[in-house]
Protein backbone atom coordinates (compact mmCIF):
# COMPACT_ATOMS: atom_id res chain seq x y z
CA MET A 1 14.09 -1.04 -13.98
CA VAL A 2 15.01 0.59 -10.56
CA LYS A 3 18.34 -0.64 -9.37
CA GLY A 4 18.15 -3.05 -6.39
CA LEU A 5 14.33 -3.34 -6.67
CA ALA A 6 12.27 -6.07 -8.42
CA THR A 7 10.08 -4.18 -10.94
CA LYS A 8 7.62 -4.81 -13.64
CA PRO A 9 6.91 -2.74 -16.75
CA ALA A 10 3.47 -1.46 -16.53
CA ARG A 11 1.16 -0.27 -19.40
CA ILE A 12 0.00 3.56 -19.13
CA GLY A 13 -3.25 3.79 -18.02
CA SER A 14 -3.19 0.91 -15.67
CA ASP A 15 -2.57 3.11 -12.38
CA ARG A 16 -6.45 3.66 -12.80
CA THR A 17 -6.61 -0.29 -12.18
CA TYR A 18 -4.34 -0.63 -9.22
CA LEU A 19 -6.15 2.58 -7.84
CA SER A 20 -9.49 0.87 -8.18
CA LYS A 21 -8.07 -2.38 -6.27
CA ALA A 22 -6.64 -0.07 -3.44
CA ARG A 23 -10.13 1.54 -2.93
CA GLU A 24 -11.52 -1.86 -2.91
CA PHE A 25 -9.26 -3.30 -0.52
CA LEU A 26 -9.47 -0.38 1.76
CA GLU A 27 -13.28 -0.62 1.43
CA GLY A 28 -13.27 -4.32 2.66
CA ALA A 29 -10.64 -3.38 5.52
CA SER A 30 -13.14 -0.75 6.90
CA MET A 31 -16.08 -3.23 6.80
CA LEU A 32 -14.07 -6.09 8.44
CA LEU A 33 -12.78 -3.24 11.19
CA GLU A 34 -16.58 -2.70 11.90
CA LYS A 35 -17.15 -6.11 12.38
CA GLY A 36 -14.06 -6.59 14.63
CA LYS A 37 -12.03 -8.77 12.44
CA TRP A 38 -8.75 -7.35 12.95
CA SER A 39 -6.43 -9.65 11.53
CA ALA A 40 -8.60 -9.66 8.17
CA SER A 41 -9.04 -5.86 8.22
CA ALA A 42 -4.94 -5.72 8.46
CA VAL A 43 -4.57 -7.85 5.55
CA LEU A 44 -6.50 -5.78 3.31
CA SER A 45 -5.02 -2.56 4.73
CA VAL A 46 -1.47 -4.22 3.53
CA HIS A 47 -3.11 -4.88 0.23
CA ALA A 48 -4.47 -1.55 -0.24
CA VAL A 49 -1.01 -0.05 0.39
CA ILE A 50 0.49 -2.06 -2.08
CA SER A 51 -1.93 -1.37 -4.74
CA ALA A 52 -1.83 2.25 -3.98
CA CYS A 53 1.78 2.47 -4.16
CA ASP A 54 1.67 0.41 -7.35
CA ALA A 55 -1.04 2.87 -8.69
CA VAL A 56 1.55 5.85 -8.14
CA CYS A 57 4.39 4.26 -9.44
CA VAL A 58 2.57 3.27 -12.78
CA ARG A 59 1.47 6.89 -13.19
CA PHE A 60 4.96 8.24 -12.88
CA LEU A 61 7.46 5.63 -13.57
CA GLN A 62 5.54 3.05 -15.78
CA LEU A 63 6.79 0.55 -13.31
CA ARG A 64 5.37 -1.62 -10.69
CA HIS A 65 6.55 -3.70 -7.73
CA GLY A 66 7.25 -6.87 -9.29
CA GLY A 67 9.04 -9.44 -6.46
CA ALA A 68 7.70 -11.33 -3.40
CA ASP A 69 8.99 -9.00 -0.87
CA HIS A 70 6.24 -6.27 -0.38
CA MET A 71 8.23 -3.68 1.34
CA GLN A 72 10.05 -3.07 -2.15
CA ALA A 73 6.59 -1.95 -3.29
CA VAL A 74 6.88 0.97 -0.89
CA GLU A 75 10.55 1.71 -1.33
CA LEU A 76 10.02 2.15 -4.85
CA LEU A 77 8.25 5.40 -3.80
CA ASN A 78 11.78 6.81 -3.46
CA SER A 79 12.00 6.92 -7.09
CA LEU A 80 9.07 9.06 -7.79
CA PRO A 81 9.88 12.65 -9.00
CA LEU A 82 7.94 14.17 -6.02
CA GLU A 83 8.99 16.19 -2.92
CA ARG A 84 11.12 14.57 -0.76
CA SER A 85 9.21 15.48 2.29
CA GLU A 86 5.90 14.31 0.57
CA ILE A 87 7.52 10.92 -0.14
CA GLU A 88 9.12 10.72 3.36
CA LEU A 89 5.56 11.15 4.85
CA LYS A 90 4.29 8.56 2.71
CA LEU A 91 7.06 5.98 3.14
CA LYS A 92 6.50 6.25 6.80
CA GLN A 93 2.75 5.50 6.73
CA ALA A 94 2.98 2.93 4.09
CA ARG A 95 5.97 1.21 6.07
CA ARG A 96 3.99 0.71 9.12
CA VAL A 97 1.44 -1.09 7.39
CA ILE A 98 3.64 -3.25 5.46
CA SER A 99 5.87 -3.97 8.80
CA LEU A 100 2.57 -5.98 10.15
CA LYS A 101 2.02 -7.92 7.11
CA ASN A 102 3.79 -11.20 8.34
CA ALA A 103 1.98 -10.77 11.73
CA ALA A 104 -1.57 -10.27 10.19
CA GLU A 105 -1.11 -13.27 7.84
CA TYR A 106 1.45 -15.82 9.11
CA GLU A 107 2.35 -15.21 12.74
CA ASP A 108 0.90 -17.26 15.55
CA LYS A 109 -0.82 -14.44 17.02
CA LEU A 110 -3.89 -12.19 16.12
CA ILE A 111 -3.68 -8.60 15.34
CA LYS A 112 -4.90 -6.22 18.14
CA GLN A 113 -7.76 -3.83 17.62
CA SER A 114 -5.45 -0.79 18.00
CA ASP A 115 -2.79 -2.24 15.47
CA ALA A 116 -5.66 -3.08 12.95
CA GLN A 117 -7.22 0.51 13.30
CA GLU A 118 -3.87 2.18 13.22
CA MET A 119 -3.11 0.21 10.14
CA TYR A 120 -6.26 1.29 8.63
CA ARG A 121 -5.95 4.97 8.98
CA ASP A 122 -2.37 4.93 7.38
CA ALA A 123 -3.88 2.91 4.45
CA GLU A 124 -6.50 5.38 3.96
CA ARG A 125 -3.87 8.15 3.84
CA VAL A 126 -1.79 6.26 1.46
CA VAL A 127 -4.84 5.31 -0.80
CA GLU A 128 -6.17 9.20 -0.41
CA TRP A 129 -2.57 10.26 -1.69
CA ALA A 130 -2.48 8.04 -4.51
CA GLU A 131 -6.10 9.11 -5.82
CA LYS A 132 -4.80 12.95 -5.61
CA ARG A 133 -1.77 11.92 -7.78
CA THR A 134 -3.12 9.49 -10.16
CA CYS A 135 -6.26 11.48 -11.01
């Protein structure tokens, strides 16, 4: 348990499952970008980031996020035993994506093309990092 964050224990090896989900969500986000489906692509970028964060946290902490506030999935990265500069960069990228989650899913507005593209780029960076850190 990490103080102040909702977590759940994870079985050893389940990092591969979360990484597989992250890759799949990212692939879907890419396909939807190509079709001009900005909001749907944004939602999948969000889920790619959440799954990538879960993969890395499971690998290093044997924990994953377990609450309703998805920003906490990102904040759990602060507990990783990695270089601070590396963590800060990934936190910045992941926070940018997650910060648009409600707009993409629930608000009475559409995601702009530029926002969807930026979310995808950041999600791609986070997933690539998770691949390097879990493999």
